[in-house]
Amino acid sequence: MPAILIHGVPDTHHVWDGVRQHLTRTDVEAWDLPGFGTERPAGFGSAKEDYVRWLIQRLETVGEPVDLVGHDWGCILTLRVAYLRPDLVRSWAGGNGPINAGYVWHPLAKIWQDEAEGDRYMRELRAEPFAEDLAAGFDVPIDRAREMARRVDGTMKDAVLRLYRSALTMGAEWEPGLSAVSAPCLVFWGAHDPACQIEFGRRLGASLHASAVIEMDCNHWPLLQRPAEVAAVLEGHWNAHAGV
């Protein structure tokens, strides 16, 4: 049973590189969502539902239930998959991706969701200032922030805008399904995240009846700030449910 790791915004599979270095299991794959470091299939719309359908279709090709892990939008999308297709998911873990009707989108998300402001933001986006913003606002190590920013190409910019504009009411739409997720769940969350506050990690854990909500002493990207700790949390979760 493989483990599948799904990134968020504005990331690619590389956001998991540090975590993977600390994992002992070898059957681990980190996938790029369409438009994030890879091309999009013809006709792919980049709405939240498109990404859920894509994940389901790709997971179906694995041939057995997987240990599914997501961060940020990866957290949100993989939980929707776990709700819609429980047969594909042996266990789930994720964090820093709120699914709650009471969650208010962070300021940058609101810019992206506005057609005029979002388009202008992406036209004017430059790698180095963006990297500096990630480092200053989210404590991303500056070398990793620069790597992330350099990967934000035109395709990713368009995908981000389409994704966020499809998600104005995502919390109200998708929160009701959380209690029906049947896979064993674990939530890990950067407790100092200004965009996805820790209270929504706690609420997510309660909605999922998760075995634990691990509150990490870091910002939005535990994968970059606490990779060894994330790896240990994941392997403990997987080992606890090895016989499921």
Protein backbone atom coordinates (compact mmCIF):
# COMPACT_ATOMS: atom_id res chain seq x y z
CA MET A 1 0.00 0.00 0.00
CA PRO A 2 1.77 3.16 -1.14
CA ALA A 3 1.67 6.56 0.50
CA ILE A 4 0.67 9.46 -1.75
CA LEU A 5 1.64 13.03 -0.82
CA ILE A 6 -0.26 15.99 -2.31
CA HIS A 7 1.01 19.57 -2.18
CA GLY A 8 -0.83 22.87 -1.97
CA VAL A 9 -0.44 26.41 -3.34
CA PRO A 10 1.91 27.67 -4.70
CA ASP A 11 3.84 24.42 -4.48
CA THR A 12 4.89 21.37 -6.46
CA HIS A 13 5.88 17.88 -5.31
CA HIS A 14 9.23 19.36 -4.23
CA VAL A 15 7.63 20.76 -1.08
CA TRP A 16 7.77 17.19 0.27
CA ASP A 17 11.48 16.64 -0.48
CA GLY A 18 12.65 17.31 3.08
CA VAL A 19 9.96 15.12 4.64
CA ARG A 20 10.74 12.25 2.28
CA GLN A 21 14.40 12.32 3.30
CA HIS A 22 13.33 11.43 6.83
CA LEU A 23 10.86 8.66 5.96
CA THR A 24 11.93 5.05 6.35
CA ARG A 25 9.35 3.56 4.01
CA THR A 26 10.17 3.51 0.32
CA ASP A 27 6.71 3.18 -1.26
CA VAL A 28 6.07 6.93 -1.14
CA GLU A 29 5.10 9.11 -4.09
CA ALA A 30 4.61 12.88 -4.24
CA TRP A 31 2.39 13.96 -7.12
CA ASP A 32 2.17 17.27 -8.95
CA LEU A 33 -1.35 18.57 -9.36
CA PRO A 34 -2.14 19.60 -12.95
CA GLY A 35 -0.79 23.07 -13.63
CA PHE A 36 1.65 22.97 -10.72
CA GLY A 37 5.01 22.07 -12.20
CA THR A 38 3.29 20.09 -14.95
CA GLU A 39 0.95 20.69 -17.86
CA ARG A 40 -2.80 20.39 -17.54
CA PRO A 41 -4.78 17.80 -19.51
CA ALA A 42 -6.74 19.17 -22.46
CA GLY A 43 -9.92 20.81 -21.22
CA PHE A 44 -8.86 20.75 -17.57
CA GLY A 45 -10.58 23.68 -15.86
CA SER A 46 -8.55 23.91 -12.62
CA ALA A 47 -11.65 24.29 -10.44
CA LYS A 48 -11.63 22.48 -7.13
CA GLU A 49 -13.93 19.78 -8.50
CA ASP A 50 -11.58 19.22 -11.44
CA TYR A 51 -8.72 18.48 -9.05
CA VAL A 52 -10.85 16.09 -7.01
CA ARG A 53 -11.87 14.19 -10.15
CA TRP A 54 -8.25 14.06 -11.31
CA LEU A 55 -7.08 12.70 -7.97
CA ILE A 56 -9.79 10.04 -7.95
CA GLN A 57 -8.96 8.93 -11.47
CA ARG A 58 -5.25 8.68 -10.72
CA LEU A 59 -5.78 6.89 -7.41
CA GLU A 60 -7.95 4.37 -9.21
CA THR A 61 -4.91 3.37 -11.26
CA VAL A 62 -2.92 2.48 -8.12
CA GLY A 63 -4.99 -0.64 -7.64
CA GLU A 64 -5.23 -0.62 -3.85
CA PRO A 65 -6.13 1.80 -1.04
CA VAL A 66 -3.37 4.28 -0.20
CA ASP A 67 -2.13 6.26 2.77
CA LEU A 68 -3.16 9.71 1.56
CA VAL A 69 -1.49 12.88 2.85
CA GLY A 70 -2.16 16.50 1.96
CA HIS A 71 -0.95 19.97 2.90
CA ASP A 72 -2.74 23.28 2.28
CA TRP A 73 -4.96 22.72 -0.79
CA GLY A 74 -3.65 19.16 -0.82
CA CYS A 75 -5.29 18.73 2.59
CA ILE A 76 -8.59 20.11 1.32
CA LEU A 77 -8.69 18.12 -1.92
CA THR A 78 -7.60 14.80 -0.44
CA LEU A 79 -10.25 15.00 2.26
CA ARG A 80 -12.90 15.48 -0.41
CA VAL A 81 -11.54 12.37 -2.12
CA ALA A 82 -11.65 10.46 1.18
CA TYR A 83 -15.31 11.44 1.55
CA LEU A 84 -16.35 10.62 -2.02
CA ARG A 85 -14.27 7.47 -2.49
CA PRO A 86 -13.48 5.79 0.83
CA ASP A 87 -12.48 2.64 -1.07
CA LEU A 88 -9.38 4.45 -2.34
CA VAL A 89 -8.05 5.61 1.04
CA ARG A 90 -6.63 3.38 3.77
CA SER A 91 -5.61 6.29 6.02
CA TRP A 92 -5.52 10.06 5.77
CA ALA A 93 -3.28 12.74 7.26
CA GLY A 94 -3.00 16.42 6.51
CA GLY A 95 -2.99 19.96 7.69
CA ASN A 96 -3.02 23.72 7.19
CA GLY A 97 -5.99 23.45 4.88
CA PRO A 98 -9.21 24.58 6.59
CA ILE A 99 -12.62 23.20 5.58
CA ASN A 100 -15.07 25.15 7.67
CA ALA A 101 -18.02 27.40 6.91
CA GLY A 102 -16.70 29.91 9.44
CA TYR A 103 -13.30 30.23 7.81
CA VAL A 104 -12.62 33.60 6.14
CA TRP A 105 -10.23 33.46 3.22
CA HIS A 106 -6.90 35.16 3.89
CA PRO A 107 -6.11 38.51 2.22
CA LEU A 108 -4.05 37.10 -0.65
CA ALA A 109 -6.75 34.54 -1.45
CA LYS A 110 -9.29 37.36 -1.62
CA ILE A 111 -7.09 39.17 -4.12
CA TRP A 112 -6.83 36.04 -6.27
CA GLN A 113 -10.59 35.54 -6.09
CA ASP A 114 -11.24 39.03 -7.47
CA GLU A 115 -10.96 38.90 -11.25
CA ALA A 116 -9.39 42.31 -11.79
CA GLU A 117 -7.15 42.36 -8.71
CA GLY A 118 -6.09 38.73 -9.10
CA ASP A 119 -5.17 39.10 -12.75
CA ARG A 120 -3.17 42.24 -11.95
CA TYR A 121 -1.39 40.53 -9.05
CA MET A 122 -0.28 37.63 -11.24
CA ARG A 123 0.83 39.91 -14.08
CA GLU A 124 3.02 41.87 -11.71
CA LEU A 125 4.33 38.89 -9.71
CA ARG A 126 8.12 38.60 -9.69
CA ALA A 127 10.05 35.73 -8.15
CA GLU A 128 12.41 37.52 -5.76
CA PRO A 129 9.88 39.86 -4.08
CA PHE A 130 7.46 36.95 -3.80
CA ALA A 131 10.14 34.81 -2.16
CA GLU A 132 10.90 37.59 0.29
CA ASP A 133 7.19 37.84 1.17
CA LEU A 134 7.03 34.08 1.81
CA ALA A 135 10.09 34.26 4.04
CA ALA A 136 8.89 37.30 5.98
CA GLY A 137 5.22 36.39 6.33
CA PHE A 138 5.39 32.61 6.66
CA ASP A 139 8.89 31.91 7.97
CA VAL A 140 9.79 29.88 4.87
CA PRO A 141 13.59 29.45 4.73
CA ILE A 142 14.71 31.93 2.10
CA ASP A 143 16.44 29.36 -0.10
CA ARG A 144 13.31 27.23 -0.20
CA ALA A 145 11.17 30.32 -0.74
CA ARG A 146 13.26 31.22 -3.78
CA GLU A 147 12.90 27.70 -5.16
CA MET A 148 9.13 27.88 -4.72
CA ALA A 149 8.88 31.31 -6.31
CA ARG A 150 10.93 30.32 -9.34
CA ARG A 151 8.46 27.52 -10.11
CA VAL A 152 5.48 29.89 -10.28
CA ASP A 153 5.10 30.06 -14.06
CA GLY A 154 2.21 31.26 -16.22
CA THR A 155 0.43 27.92 -16.05
CA MET A 156 0.57 27.85 -12.26
CA LYS A 157 -0.62 31.44 -12.00
CA ASP A 158 -3.68 30.64 -14.09
CA ALA A 159 -4.34 27.42 -12.15
CA VAL A 160 -4.16 29.26 -8.82
CA LEU A 161 -6.63 31.91 -9.94
CA ARG A 162 -9.10 29.35 -11.30
CA LEU A 163 -8.83 27.20 -8.19
CA TYR A 164 -9.45 30.02 -5.75
CA ARG A 165 -12.27 31.49 -7.79
CA SER A 166 -14.03 28.12 -7.70
CA ALA A 167 -13.77 28.03 -3.91
CA LEU A 168 -15.59 31.10 -2.62
CA THR A 169 -17.96 28.93 -0.57
CA MET A 170 -15.83 25.78 -0.34
CA GLY A 171 -16.08 25.57 3.45
CA ALA A 172 -19.88 25.60 3.50
CA GLU A 173 -20.02 23.17 0.58
CA TRP A 174 -17.54 20.58 1.80
CA GLU A 175 -17.62 20.79 5.61
CA PRO A 176 -20.80 18.65 5.94
CA GLY A 177 -19.01 15.66 4.41
CA LEU A 178 -16.16 15.61 6.91
CA SER A 179 -17.99 13.61 9.56
CA ALA A 180 -18.62 10.86 6.99
CA VAL A 181 -14.93 10.29 6.24
CA SER A 182 -14.29 6.72 7.36
CA ALA A 183 -10.51 6.41 6.99
CA PRO A 184 -8.41 6.78 10.15
CA CYS A 185 -7.41 10.45 10.24
CA LEU A 186 -4.60 12.51 11.74
CA VAL A 187 -4.29 16.30 11.58
CA PHE A 188 -0.93 18.08 11.80
CA TRP A 189 -0.88 21.88 11.74
CA GLY A 190 1.61 24.70 11.91
CA ALA A 191 0.22 26.45 14.96
CA HIS A 192 1.48 29.94 14.06
CA ASP A 193 -0.11 30.04 10.60
CA PRO A 194 -1.63 33.52 10.09
CA ALA A 195 -3.58 32.44 7.01
CA CYS A 196 -5.05 29.14 8.27
CA GLN A 197 -5.36 29.64 12.00
CA ILE A 198 -4.85 26.78 14.43
CA GLU A 199 -8.49 26.92 15.58
CA PHE A 200 -9.45 25.54 12.16
CA GLY A 201 -7.01 22.68 12.59
CA ARG A 202 -8.70 21.84 15.88
CA ARG A 203 -12.13 22.09 14.29
CA LEU A 204 -11.02 19.88 11.42
CA GLY A 205 -9.77 17.26 13.83
CA ALA A 206 -13.06 17.31 15.72
CA SER A 207 -15.12 17.03 12.53
CA LEU A 208 -13.07 14.05 11.37
CA HIS A 209 -12.94 12.36 14.79
CA ALA A 210 -9.19 12.33 14.18
CA SER A 211 -6.92 10.30 16.41
CA ALA A 212 -4.96 13.48 17.17
CA VAL A 213 -4.36 17.08 16.16
CA ILE A 214 -0.62 17.65 16.27
CA GLU A 215 0.06 21.36 16.84
CA MET A 216 3.55 22.13 15.57
CA ASP A 217 5.65 25.06 16.67
CA CYS A 218 5.92 26.61 13.20
CA ASN A 219 4.10 28.59 10.54
CA HIS A 220 2.09 27.49 7.49
CA TRP A 221 4.70 25.11 6.04
CA PRO A 222 5.62 22.40 8.60
CA LEU A 223 6.95 20.43 5.62
CA LEU A 224 9.70 23.02 5.20
CA GLN A 225 10.18 24.11 8.81
CA ARG A 226 9.77 20.77 10.64
CA PRO A 227 10.35 18.03 8.02
CA ALA A 228 11.75 15.44 10.44
CA GLU A 229 8.86 16.01 12.84
CA VAL A 230 6.30 15.68 10.05
CA ALA A 231 7.94 12.45 8.89
CA ALA A 232 7.82 11.01 12.41
CA VAL A 233 4.17 11.97 12.82
CA LEU A 234 3.25 10.36 9.51
CA GLU A 235 5.10 7.12 10.16
CA GLY A 236 3.56 6.83 13.61
CA HIS A 237 0.11 7.26 12.05
CA TRP A 238 0.81 4.74 9.29
CA ASN A 239 2.22 2.18 11.70
CA ALA A 240 -0.77 2.51 13.99
CA HIS A 241 -3.07 1.58 11.12
CA ALA A 242 -0.86 -0.92 9.31
CA GLY A 243 -3.44 -3.65 9.72
CA VAL A 244 -6.43 -1.60 8.56
